[in-house]
Amino acid sequence: MNWGGFGTLDGWLAIVGLAIGTFAIRYSFIGLLAGKKLPPRFERALQLAVPAIFAALVVPLILFQNNQLNLAMRWPHAVAAIITGIYAGWRGGMLVSLLIGMACLHTLLWFFP
């Protein structure tokens, strides 16, 4: 069944199913655990989840080009990422780390085109 510009019934069932699943996952943390004290190890794991996800997204972009490891062409990106990681581990925070990483990368690309 085609509903004109609105897609098919299967598509809408998939969207509704994903919406219900997303709500259930979020509610399990926000609604059911609200006001409850979590174990310290679990709280620490949740704090480390965001940097781990960010690293999992960024590292392949830095190290790979055309689905192949290419450090010869991407070395300025790798150096800027290492400097940014060292600063972020030392001082913490996101905004200043991001600015330092951008400054390092653009400086390296300017001096070594």
PDB file of N, CA and C in Angstrom:
ATOM      1  N   MET A   1       0.844  -1.177   0.000  1.00  0.00           N
ATOM      2  CA  MET A   1       0.000   0.000   0.000  1.00  0.00           C
ATOM      3  C   MET A   1       0.891   1.242   0.000  1.00  0.00           C
ATOM      4  N   ASN A   2       0.663   2.126  -0.937  1.00  0.00           N
ATOM      5  CA  ASN A   2       1.440   3.348  -1.045  1.00  0.00           C
ATOM      6  C   ASN A   2       0.549   4.525  -0.668  1.00  0.00           C
ATOM      7  N   TRP A   3       0.995   5.336   0.242  1.00  0.00           N
ATOM      8  CA  TRP A   3       0.212   6.474   0.722  1.00  0.00           C
ATOM      9  C   TRP A   3       0.675   7.773   0.084  1.00  0.00           C
ATOM     10  N   GLY A   4       0.968   7.744  -1.168  1.00  0.00           N
ATOM     11  CA  GLY A   4       1.423   8.949  -1.862  1.00  0.00           C
ATOM     12  C   GLY A   4       2.813   9.334  -1.405  1.00  0.00           C
ATOM     13  N   GLY A   5       2.966  10.557  -0.944  1.00  0.00           N
ATOM     14  CA  GLY A   5       4.263  11.057  -0.492  1.00  0.00           C
ATOM     15  C   GLY A   5       4.587  10.678   0.936  1.00  0.00           C
ATOM     16  N   PHE A   6       3.722   9.906   1.593  1.00  0.00           N
ATOM     17  CA  PHE A   6       3.938   9.578   2.996  1.00  0.00           C
ATOM     18  C   PHE A   6       4.624   8.233   3.208  1.00  0.00           C
ATOM     19  N   GLY A   7       4.968   7.511   2.185  1.00  0.00           N
ATOM     20  CA  GLY A   7       5.658   6.235   2.335  1.00  0.00           C
ATOM     21  C   GLY A   7       4.695   5.070   2.431  1.00  0.00           C
ATOM     22  N   THR A   8       5.236   3.941   2.848  1.00  0.00           N
ATOM     23  CA  THR A   8       4.448   2.719   2.916  1.00  0.00           C
ATOM     24  C   THR A   8       4.067   2.402   4.356  1.00  0.00           C
ATOM     25  N   LEU A   9       3.142   1.473   4.503  1.00  0.00           N
ATOM     26  CA  LEU A   9       2.719   1.049   5.838  1.00  0.00           C
ATOM     27  C   LEU A   9       3.884   0.406   6.583  1.00  0.00           C
ATOM     28  N   ASP A  10       4.715  -0.384   5.897  1.00  0.00           N
ATOM     29  CA  ASP A  10       5.877  -1.003   6.536  1.00  0.00           C
ATOM     30  C   ASP A  10       6.849   0.053   7.064  1.00  0.00           C
ATOM     31  N   GLY A  11       7.044   1.107   6.303  1.00  0.00           N
ATOM     32  CA  GLY A  11       7.922   2.186   6.750  1.00  0.00           C
ATOM     33  C   GLY A  11       7.409   2.858   8.003  1.00  0.00           C
ATOM     34  N   TRP A  12       6.107   3.139   8.037  1.00  0.00           N
ATOM     35  CA  TRP A  12       5.520   3.773   9.214  1.00  0.00           C
ATOM     36  C   TRP A  12       5.527   2.847  10.417  1.00  0.00           C
ATOM     37  N   LEU A  13       5.325   1.551  10.211  1.00  0.00           N
ATOM     38  CA  LEU A  13       5.403   0.602  11.323  1.00  0.00           C
ATOM     39  C   LEU A  13       6.829   0.546  11.885  1.00  0.00           C
ATOM     40  N   ALA A  14       7.824   0.628  11.003  1.00  0.00           N
ATOM     41  CA  ALA A  14       9.210   0.654  11.460  1.00  0.00           C
ATOM     42  C   ALA A  14       9.487   1.918  12.272  1.00  0.00           C
ATOM     43  N   ILE A  15       8.985   3.059  11.811  1.00  0.00           N
ATOM     44  CA  ILE A  15       9.197   4.317  12.534  1.00  0.00           C
ATOM     45  C   ILE A  15       8.539   4.271  13.904  1.00  0.00           C
ATOM     46  N   VAL A  16       7.303   3.786  13.968  1.00  0.00           N
ATOM     47  CA  VAL A  16       6.597   3.700  15.252  1.00  0.00           C
ATOM     48  C   VAL A  16       7.308   2.718  16.181  1.00  0.00           C
ATOM     49  N   GLY A  17       7.760   1.583  15.640  1.00  0.00           N
ATOM     50  CA  GLY A  17       8.478   0.605  16.453  1.00  0.00           C
ATOM     51  C   GLY A  17       9.783   1.160  17.007  1.00  0.00           C
ATOM     52  N   LEU A  18      10.523   1.887  16.176  1.00  0.00           N
ATOM     53  CA  LEU A  18      11.772   2.498  16.639  1.00  0.00           C
ATOM     54  C   LEU A  18      11.512   3.594  17.666  1.00  0.00           C
ATOM     55  N   ALA A  19      10.430   4.349  17.491  1.00  0.00           N
ATOM     56  CA  ALA A  19      10.085   5.388  18.462  1.00  0.00           C
ATOM     57  C   ALA A  19       9.749   4.770  19.817  1.00  0.00           C
ATOM     58  N   ILE A  20       8.982   3.700  19.810  1.00  0.00           N
ATOM     59  CA  ILE A  20       8.626   3.034  21.076  1.00  0.00           C
ATOM     60  C   ILE A  20       9.878   2.441  21.726  1.00  0.00           C
ATOM     61  N   GLY A  21      10.749   1.822  20.932  1.00  0.00           N
ATOM     62  CA  GLY A  21      11.985   1.263  21.473  1.00  0.00           C
ATOM     63  C   GLY A  21      12.900   2.325  22.057  1.00  0.00           C
ATOM     64  N   THR A  22      13.031   3.456  21.373  1.00  0.00           N
ATOM     65  CA  THR A  22      13.861   4.551  21.870  1.00  0.00           C
ATOM     66  C   THR A  22      13.293   5.111  23.167  1.00  0.00           C
ATOM     67  N   PHE A  23      11.972   5.280  23.210  1.00  0.00           N
ATOM     68  CA  PHE A  23      11.345   5.773  24.437  1.00  0.00           C
ATOM     69  C   PHE A  23      11.585   4.805  25.585  1.00  0.00           C
ATOM     70  N   ALA A  24      11.443   3.505  25.336  1.00  0.00           N
ATOM     71  CA  ALA A  24      11.621   2.506  26.390  1.00  0.00           C
ATOM     72  C   ALA A  24      13.054   2.516  26.922  1.00  0.00           C
ATOM     73  N   ILE A  25      14.029   2.637  26.028  1.00  0.00           N
ATOM     74  CA  ILE A  25      15.426   2.665  26.467  1.00  0.00           C
ATOM     75  C   ILE A  25      15.696   3.912  27.307  1.00  0.00           C
ATOM     76  N   ARG A  26      15.227   5.052  26.856  1.00  0.00           N
ATOM     77  CA  ARG A  26      15.466   6.287  27.615  1.00  0.00           C
ATOM     78  C   ARG A  26      14.708   6.291  28.932  1.00  0.00           C
ATOM     79  N   TYR A  27      13.482   5.810  28.912  1.00  0.00           N
ATOM     80  CA  TYR A  27      12.698   5.788  30.143  1.00  0.00           C
ATOM     81  C   TYR A  27      13.314   4.846  31.165  1.00  0.00           C
ATOM     82  N   SER A  28      13.953   3.786  30.709  1.00  0.00           N
ATOM     83  CA  SER A  28      14.554   2.845  31.648  1.00  0.00           C
ATOM     84  C   SER A  28      15.634   3.523  32.480  1.00  0.00           C
ATOM     85  N   PHE A  29      16.344   4.470  31.911  1.00  0.00           N
ATOM     86  CA  PHE A  29      17.356   5.182  32.679  1.00  0.00           C
ATOM     87  C   PHE A  29      16.785   6.400  33.395  1.00  0.00           C
ATOM     88  N   ILE A  30      15.991   7.182  32.698  1.00  0.00           N
ATOM     89  CA  ILE A  30      15.518   8.438  33.269  1.00  0.00           C
ATOM     90  C   ILE A  30      14.363   8.212  34.242  1.00  0.00           C
ATOM     91  N   GLY A  31      13.359   7.466  33.835  1.00  0.00           N
ATOM     92  CA  GLY A  31      12.167   7.296  34.649  1.00  0.00           C
ATOM     93  C   GLY A  31      12.321   6.312  35.779  1.00  0.00           C
ATOM     94  N   LEU A  32      12.867   5.155  35.486  1.00  0.00           N
ATOM     95  CA  LEU A  32      12.935   4.120  36.509  1.00  0.00           C
ATOM     96  C   LEU A  32      14.062   4.329  37.508  1.00  0.00           C
ATOM     97  N   LEU A  33      15.147   4.986  37.101  1.00  0.00           N
ATOM     98  CA  LEU A  33      16.277   5.179  37.997  1.00  0.00           C
ATOM     99  C   LEU A  33      16.309   6.558  38.635  1.00  0.00           C
ATOM    100  N   ALA A  34      15.305   7.381  38.366  1.00  0.00           N
ATOM    101  CA  ALA A  34      15.293   8.740  38.910  1.00  0.00           C
ATOM    102  C   ALA A  34      15.207   8.687  40.433  1.00  0.00           C
ATOM    103  N   GLY A  35      16.085   9.423  41.081  1.00  0.00           N
ATOM    104  CA  GLY A  35      16.071   9.518  42.533  1.00  0.00           C
ATOM    105  C   GLY A  35      16.704   8.341  43.246  1.00  0.00           C
ATOM    106  N   LYS A  36      17.200   7.367  42.515  1.00  0.00           N
ATOM    107  CA  LYS A  36      17.821   6.201  43.135  1.00  0.00           C
ATOM    108  C   LYS A  36      19.333   6.345  43.084  1.00  0.00           C
ATOM    109  N   LYS A  37      19.979   5.834  44.099  1.00  0.00           N
ATOM    110  CA  LYS A  37      21.437   5.859  44.160  1.00  0.00           C
ATOM    111  C   LYS A  37      21.985   4.671  43.380  1.00  0.00           C
ATOM    112  N   LEU A  38      22.839   4.960  42.426  1.00  0.00           N
ATOM    113  CA  LEU A  38      23.447   3.919  41.598  1.00  0.00           C
ATOM    114  C   LEU A  38      24.780   3.498  42.207  1.00  0.00           C
ATOM    115  N   PRO A  39      25.201   2.273  41.936  1.00  0.00           N
ATOM    116  CA  PRO A  39      26.523   1.851  42.408  1.00  0.00           C
ATOM    117  C   PRO A  39      27.621   2.733  41.798  1.00  0.00           C
ATOM    118  N   PRO A  40      28.679   2.999  42.549  1.00  0.00           N
ATOM    119  CA  PRO A  40      29.739   3.890  42.053  1.00  0.00           C
ATOM    120  C   PRO A  40      30.372   3.414  40.746  1.00  0.00           C
ATOM    121  N   ARG A  41      30.542   2.113  40.590  1.00  0.00           N
ATOM    122  CA  ARG A  41      31.152   1.613  39.348  1.00  0.00           C
ATOM    123  C   ARG A  41      30.248   1.882  38.153  1.00  0.00           C
ATOM    124  N   PHE A  42      28.931   1.764  38.345  1.00  0.00           N
ATOM    125  CA  PHE A  42      27.985   2.031  37.262  1.00  0.00           C
ATOM    126  C   PHE A  42      27.972   3.514  36.911  1.00  0.00           C
ATOM    127  N   GLU A  43      28.021   4.380  37.926  1.00  0.00           N
ATOM    128  CA  GLU A  43      28.070   5.820  37.671  1.00  0.00           C
ATOM    129  C   GLU A  43      29.343   6.190  36.907  1.00  0.00           C
ATOM    130  N   ARG A  44      30.455   5.573  37.279  1.00  0.00           N
ATOM    131  CA  ARG A  44      31.724   5.845  36.589  1.00  0.00           C
ATOM    132  C   ARG A  44      31.660   5.377  35.137  1.00  0.00           C
ATOM    133  N   ALA A  45      31.033   4.218  34.911  1.00  0.00           N
ATOM    134  CA  ALA A  45      30.895   3.714  33.541  1.00  0.00           C
ATOM    135  C   ALA A  45      30.031   4.658  32.703  1.00  0.00           C
ATOM    136  N   LEU A  46      28.982   5.203  33.284  1.00  0.00           N
ATOM    137  CA  LEU A  46      28.146   6.154  32.548  1.00  0.00           C
ATOM    138  C   LEU A  46      28.901   7.443  32.239  1.00  0.00           C
ATOM    139  N   GLN A  47      29.765   7.878  33.164  1.00  0.00           N
ATOM    140  CA  GLN A  47      30.555   9.078  32.913  1.00  0.00           C
ATOM    141  C   GLN A  47      31.553   8.854  31.778  1.00  0.00           C
ATOM    142  N   LEU A  48      32.053   7.639  31.644  1.00  0.00           N
ATOM    143  CA  LEU A  48      33.048   7.340  30.613  1.00  0.00           C
ATOM    144  C   LEU A  48      32.423   6.973  29.279  1.00  0.00           C
ATOM    145  N   ALA A  49      31.115   6.817  29.234  1.00  0.00           N
ATOM    146  CA  ALA A  49      30.451   6.408  27.994  1.00  0.00           C
ATOM    147  C   ALA A  49      30.562   7.500  26.920  1.00  0.00           C
ATOM    148  N   VAL A  50      30.372   8.755  27.288  1.00  0.00           N
ATOM    149  CA  VAL A  50      30.396   9.843  26.300  1.00  0.00           C
ATOM    150  C   VAL A  50      31.774   9.990  25.651  1.00  0.00           C
ATOM    151  N   PRO A  51      32.869  10.052  26.436  1.00  0.00           N
ATOM    152  CA  PRO A  51      34.176  10.127  25.764  1.00  0.00           C
ATOM    153  C   PRO A  51      34.480   8.896  24.914  1.00  0.00           C
ATOM    154  N   ALA A  52      34.033   7.724  25.348  1.00  0.00           N
ATOM    155  CA  ALA A  52      34.287   6.512  24.571  1.00  0.00           C
ATOM    156  C   ALA A  52      33.545   6.548  23.238  1.00  0.00           C
ATOM    157  N   ILE A  53      32.305   6.995  23.257  1.00  0.00           N
ATOM    158  CA  ILE A  53      31.530   7.096  22.020  1.00  0.00           C
ATOM    159  C   ILE A  53      32.146   8.146  21.094  1.00  0.00           C
ATOM    160  N   PHE A  54      32.559   9.272  21.667  1.00  0.00           N
ATOM    161  CA  PHE A  54      33.186  10.326  20.869  1.00  0.00           C
ATOM    162  C   PHE A  54      34.478   9.825  20.225  1.00  0.00           C
ATOM    163  N   ALA A  55      35.293   9.102  20.992  1.00  0.00           N
ATOM    164  CA  ALA A  55      36.533   8.560  20.439  1.00  0.00           C
ATOM    165  C   ALA A  55      36.243   7.537  19.347  1.00  0.00           C
ATOM    166  N   ALA A  56      35.220   6.723  19.549  1.00  0.00           N
ATOM    167  CA  ALA A  56      34.873   5.715  18.537  1.00  0.00           C
ATOM    168  C   ALA A  56      34.413   6.358  17.235  1.00  0.00           C
ATOM    169  N   LEU A  57      33.855   7.545  17.312  1.00  0.00           N
ATOM    170  CA  LEU A  57      33.439   8.249  16.097  1.00  0.00           C
ATOM    171  C   LEU A  57      34.594   8.986  15.431  1.00  0.00           C
ATOM    172  N   VAL A  58      35.508   9.537  16.220  1.00  0.00           N
ATOM    173  CA  VAL A  58      36.546  10.413  15.689  1.00  0.00           C
ATOM    174  C   VAL A  58      37.780   9.652  15.205  1.00  0.00           C
ATOM    175  N   VAL A  59      38.206   8.634  15.934  1.00  0.00           N
ATOM    176  CA  VAL A  59      39.459   7.940  15.595  1.00  0.00           C
ATOM    177  C   VAL A  59      39.453   7.376  14.174  1.00  0.00           C
ATOM    178  N   PRO A  60      38.394   6.702  13.720  1.00  0.00           N
ATOM    179  CA  PRO A  60      38.429   6.241  12.321  1.00  0.00           C
ATOM    180  C   PRO A  60      38.513   7.379  11.307  1.00  0.00           C
ATOM    181  N   LEU A  61      37.922   8.518  11.611  1.00  0.00           N
ATOM    182  CA  LEU A  61      38.013   9.660  10.697  1.00  0.00           C
ATOM    183  C   LEU A  61      39.443  10.189  10.602  1.00  0.00           C
ATOM    184  N   ILE A  62      40.195  10.062  11.696  1.00  0.00           N
ATOM    185  CA  ILE A  62      41.563  10.559  11.717  1.00  0.00           C
ATOM    186  C   ILE A  62      42.521   9.585  11.040  1.00  0.00           C
ATOM    187  N   LEU A  63      42.363   8.310  11.313  1.00  0.00           N
ATOM    188  CA  LEU A  63      43.354   7.332  10.874  1.00  0.00           C
ATOM    189  C   LEU A  63      43.110   6.748   9.491  1.00  0.00           C
ATOM    190  N   PHE A  64      41.867   6.764   9.033  1.00  0.00           N
ATOM    191  CA  PHE A  64      41.553   6.094   7.776  1.00  0.00           C
ATOM    192  C   PHE A  64      41.149   7.088   6.701  1.00  0.00           C
ATOM    193  N   GLN A  65      41.564   6.784   5.472  1.00  0.00           N
ATOM    194  CA  GLN A  65      41.161   7.558   4.312  1.00  0.00           C
ATOM    195  C   GLN A  65      40.867   6.554   3.202  1.00  0.00           C
ATOM    196  N   ASN A  66      39.696   6.639   2.626  1.00  0.00           N
ATOM    197  CA  ASN A  66      39.241   5.678   1.610  1.00  0.00           C
ATOM    198  C   ASN A  66      39.284   4.243   2.132  1.00  0.00           C
ATOM    199  N   ASN A  67      38.848   4.068   3.382  1.00  0.00           N
ATOM    200  CA  ASN A  67      38.766   2.758   4.038  1.00  0.00           C
ATOM    201  C   ASN A  67      40.110   2.058   4.175  1.00  0.00           C
ATOM    202  N   GLN A  68      41.198   2.812   4.193  1.00  0.00           N
ATOM    203  CA  GLN A  68      42.524   2.248   4.392  1.00  0.00           C
ATOM    204  C   GLN A  68      43.290   3.112   5.377  1.00  0.00           C
ATOM    205  N   LEU A  69      44.079   2.446   6.218  1.00  0.00           N
ATOM    206  CA  LEU A  69      44.935   3.163   7.159  1.00  0.00           C
ATOM    207  C   LEU A  69      45.950   3.976   6.370  1.00  0.00           C
ATOM    208  N   ASN A  70      45.957   5.282   6.581  1.00  0.00           N
ATOM    209  CA  ASN A  70      46.804   6.154   5.777  1.00  0.00           C
ATOM    210  C   ASN A  70      47.398   7.232   6.674  1.00  0.00           C
ATOM    211  N   LEU A  71      48.439   6.866   7.414  1.00  0.00           N
ATOM    212  CA  LEU A  71      49.065   7.835   8.310  1.00  0.00           C
ATOM    213  C   LEU A  71      50.010   8.782   7.580  1.00  0.00           C
ATOM    214  N   ALA A  72      50.443   8.412   6.394  1.00  0.00           N
ATOM    215  CA  ALA A  72      51.352   9.283   5.658  1.00  0.00           C
ATOM    216  C   ALA A  72      50.671  10.599   5.299  1.00  0.00           C
ATOM    217  N   MET A  73      49.411  10.540   4.883  1.00  0.00           N
ATOM    218  CA  MET A  73      48.686  11.749   4.498  1.00  0.00           C
ATOM    219  C   MET A  73      47.942  12.375   5.677  1.00  0.00           C
ATOM    220  N   ARG A  74      47.645  11.586   6.708  1.00  0.00           N
ATOM    221  CA  ARG A  74      46.807  12.065   7.805  1.00  0.00           C
ATOM    222  C   ARG A  74      47.604  12.385   9.072  1.00  0.00           C
ATOM    223  N   TRP A  75      48.933  12.468   9.003  1.00  0.00           N
ATOM    224  CA  TRP A  75      49.717  12.680  10.209  1.00  0.00           C
ATOM    225  C   TRP A  75      49.397  13.992  10.916  1.00  0.00           C
ATOM    226  N   PRO A  76      49.081  15.107  10.216  1.00  0.00           N
ATOM    227  CA  PRO A  76      48.733  16.314  10.969  1.00  0.00           C
ATOM    228  C   PRO A  76      47.475  16.116  11.826  1.00  0.00           C
ATOM    229  N   HIS A  77      46.524  15.360  11.298  1.00  0.00           N
ATOM    230  CA  HIS A  77      45.299  15.088  12.045  1.00  0.00           C
ATOM    231  C   HIS A  77      45.597  14.244  13.278  1.00  0.00           C
ATOM    232  N   ALA A  78      46.472  13.246  13.118  1.00  0.00           N
ATOM    233  CA  ALA A  78      46.819  12.376  14.245  1.00  0.00           C
ATOM    234  C   ALA A  78      47.573  13.160  15.320  1.00  0.00           C
ATOM    235  N   VAL A  79      48.503  14.017  14.912  1.00  0.00           N
ATOM    236  CA  VAL A  79      49.256  14.825  15.883  1.00  0.00           C
ATOM    237  C   VAL A  79      48.322  15.779  16.622  1.00  0.00           C
ATOM    238  N   ALA A  80      47.424  16.441  15.896  1.00  0.00           N
ATOM    239  CA  ALA A  80      46.477  17.350  16.539  1.00  0.00           C
ATOM    240  C   ALA A  80      45.556  16.595  17.498  1.00  0.00           C
ATOM    241  N   ALA A  81      45.143  15.392  17.133  1.00  0.00           N
ATOM    242  CA  ALA A  81      44.281  14.597  18.009  1.00  0.00           C
ATOM    243  C   ALA A  81      45.024  14.180  19.273  1.00  0.00           C
ATOM    244  N   ILE A  82      46.298  13.818  19.149  1.00  0.00           N
ATOM    245  CA  ILE A  82      47.081  13.433  20.321  1.00  0.00           C
ATOM    246  C   ILE A  82      47.271  14.620  21.255  1.00  0.00           C
ATOM    247  N   ILE A  83      47.607  15.776  20.702  1.00  0.00           N
ATOM    248  CA  ILE A  83      47.779  16.980  21.522  1.00  0.00           C
ATOM    249  C   ILE A  83      46.462  17.342  22.207  1.00  0.00           C
ATOM    250  N   THR A  84      45.370  17.258  21.479  1.00  0.00           N
ATOM    251  CA  THR A  84      44.056  17.551  22.062  1.00  0.00           C
ATOM    252  C   THR A  84      43.723  16.568  23.171  1.00  0.00           C
ATOM    253  N   GLY A  85      44.002  15.288  22.952  1.00  0.00           N
ATOM    254  CA  GLY A  85      43.737  14.285  23.978  1.00  0.00           C
ATOM    255  C   GLY A  85      44.568  14.499  25.224  1.00  0.00           C
ATOM    256  N   ILE A  86      45.824  14.874  25.048  1.00  0.00           N
ATOM    257  CA  ILE A  86      46.688  15.142  26.205  1.00  0.00           C
ATOM    258  C   ILE A  86      46.151  16.336  26.988  1.00  0.00           C
ATOM    259  N   TYR A  87      45.769  17.402  26.284  1.00  0.00           N
ATOM    260  CA  TYR A  87      45.236  18.571  26.984  1.00  0.00           C
ATOM    261  C   TYR A  87      43.912  18.248  27.684  1.00  0.00           C
ATOM    262  N   ALA A  88      43.045  17.514  26.998  1.00  0.00           N
ATOM    263  CA  ALA A  88      41.750  17.177  27.596  1.00  0.00           C
ATOM    264  C   ALA A  88      41.933  16.287  28.820  1.00  0.00           C
ATOM    265  N   GLY A  89      42.895  15.379  28.785  1.00  0.00           N
ATOM    266  CA  GLY A  89      43.152  14.543  29.956  1.00  0.00           C
ATOM    267  C   GLY A  89      43.772  15.318  31.102  1.00  0.00           C
ATOM    268  N   TRP A  90      44.554  16.332  30.769  1.00  0.00           N
ATOM    269  CA  TRP A  90      45.231  17.118  31.794  1.00  0.00           C
ATOM    270  C   TRP A  90      44.293  18.125  32.437  1.00  0.00           C
ATOM    271  N   ARG A  91      43.550  18.876  31.623  1.00  0.00           N
ATOM    272  CA  ARG A  91      42.733  19.962  32.143  1.00  0.00           C
ATOM    273  C   ARG A  91      41.239  19.655  32.147  1.00  0.00           C
ATOM    274  N   GLY A  92      40.799  18.724  31.311  1.00  0.00           N
ATOM    275  CA  GLY A  92      39.366  18.449  31.219  1.00  0.00           C
ATOM    276  C   GLY A  92      38.666  19.526  30.410  1.00  0.00           C
ATOM    277  N   GLY A  93      37.379  19.407  30.301  1.00  0.00           N
ATOM    278  CA  GLY A  93      36.614  20.394  29.561  1.00  0.00           C
ATOM    279  C   GLY A  93      36.577  20.071  28.082  1.00  0.00           C
ATOM    280  N   MET A  94      35.570  20.610  27.425  1.00  0.00           N
ATOM    281  CA  MET A  94      35.371  20.282  26.018  1.00  0.00           C
ATOM    282  C   MET A  94      35.707  21.447  25.107  1.00  0.00           C
ATOM    283  N   LEU A  95      35.261  22.639  25.438  1.00  0.00           N
ATOM    284  CA  LEU A  95      35.400  23.772  24.534  1.00  0.00           C
ATOM    285  C   LEU A  95      36.863  24.148  24.293  1.00  0.00           C
ATOM    286  N   VAL A  96      37.635  24.295  25.355  1.00  0.00           N
ATOM    287  CA  VAL A  96      39.044  24.692  25.191  1.00  0.00           C
ATOM    288  C   VAL A  96      39.814  23.580  24.488  1.00  0.00           C
ATOM    289  N   SER A  97      39.515  22.330  24.814  1.00  0.00           N
ATOM    290  CA  SER A  97      40.167  21.209  24.128  1.00  0.00           C
ATOM    291  C   SER A  97      39.869  21.239  22.632  1.00  0.00           C
ATOM    292  N   LEU A  98      38.631  21.512  22.292  1.00  0.00           N
ATOM    293  CA  LEU A  98      38.238  21.598  20.884  1.00  0.00           C
ATOM    294  C   LEU A  98      38.978  22.729  20.178  1.00  0.00           C
ATOM    295  N   LEU A  99      39.060  23.870  20.819  1.00  0.00           N
ATOM    296  CA  LEU A  99      39.767  25.013  20.227  1.00  0.00           C
ATOM    297  C   LEU A  99      41.254  24.726  20.060  1.00  0.00           C
ATOM    298  N   ILE A 100      41.852  24.068  21.042  1.00  0.00           N
ATOM    299  CA  ILE A 100      43.276  23.724  20.939  1.00  0.00           C
ATOM    300  C   ILE A 100      43.494  22.726  19.804  1.00  0.00           C
ATOM    301  N   GLY A 101      42.621  21.744  19.688  1.00  0.00           N
ATOM    302  CA  GLY A 101      42.730  20.778  18.605  1.00  0.00           C
ATOM    303  C   GLY A 101      42.605  21.430  17.240  1.00  0.00           C
ATOM    304  N   MET A 102      41.647  22.332  17.100  1.00  0.00           N
ATOM    305  CA  MET A 102      41.475  23.026  15.824  1.00  0.00           C
ATOM    306  C   MET A 102      42.683  23.892  15.511  1.00  0.00           C
ATOM    307  N   ALA A 103      43.193  24.593  16.531  1.00  0.00           N
ATOM    308  CA  ALA A 103      44.364  25.447  16.312  1.00  0.00           C
ATOM    309  C   ALA A 103      45.580  24.609  15.914  1.00  0.00           C
ATOM    310  N   CYS A 104      45.786  23.478  16.589  1.00  0.00           N
ATOM    311  CA  CYS A 104      46.913  22.600  16.240  1.00  0.00           C
ATOM    312  C   CYS A 104      46.789  22.090  14.808  1.00  0.00           C
ATOM    313  N   LEU A 105      45.609  21.600  14.458  1.00  0.00           N
ATOM    314  CA  LEU A 105      45.420  21.042  13.125  1.00  0.00           C
ATOM    315  C   LEU A 105      45.644  22.095  12.043  1.00  0.00           C
ATOM    316  N   HIS A 106      45.033  23.254  12.212  1.00  0.00           N
ATOM    317  CA  HIS A 106      45.161  24.273  11.165  1.00  0.00           C
ATOM    318  C   HIS A 106      46.570  24.851  11.106  1.00  0.00           C
ATOM    319  N   THR A 107      47.255  24.916  12.235  1.00  0.00           N
ATOM    320  CA  THR A 107      48.653  25.370  12.223  1.00  0.00           C
ATOM    321  C   THR A 107      49.525  24.364  11.482  1.00  0.00           C
ATOM    322  N   LEU A 108      49.348  23.077  11.785  1.00  0.00           N
ATOM    323  CA  LEU A 108      50.122  22.051  11.083  1.00  0.00           C
ATOM    324  C   LEU A 108      49.837  22.032   9.591  1.00  0.00           C
ATOM    325  N   LEU A 109      48.568  22.172   9.236  1.00  0.00           N
ATOM    326  CA  LEU A 109      48.219  22.178   7.806  1.00  0.00           C
ATOM    327  C   LEU A 109      48.716  23.434   7.096  1.00  0.00           C
ATOM    328  N   TRP A 110      48.867  24.515   7.838  1.00  0.00           N
ATOM    329  CA  TRP A 110      49.373  25.748   7.251  1.00  0.00           C
ATOM    330  C   TRP A 110      50.878  25.649   7.003  1.00  0.00           C
ATOM    331  N   PHE A 111      51.608  25.090   7.997  1.00  0.00           N
ATOM    332  CA  PHE A 111      53.064  24.962   7.847  1.00  0.00           C
ATOM    333  C   PHE A 111      53.461  23.806   6.940  1.00  0.00           C
ATOM    334  N   PHE A 112      52.670  22.738   6.913  1.00  0.00           N
ATOM    335  CA  PHE A 112      52.986  21.555   6.110  1.00  0.00           C
ATOM    336  C   PHE A 112      51.797  21.214   5.219  1.00  0.00           C
ATOM    337  N   PRO A 113      51.627  21.940   4.113  1.00  0.00           N
ATOM    338  CA  PRO A 113      50.446  21.716   3.260  1.00  0.00           C
ATOM    339  C   PRO A 113      50.443  20.388   2.541  1.00  0.00           C
TER     340      PRO A 113
END
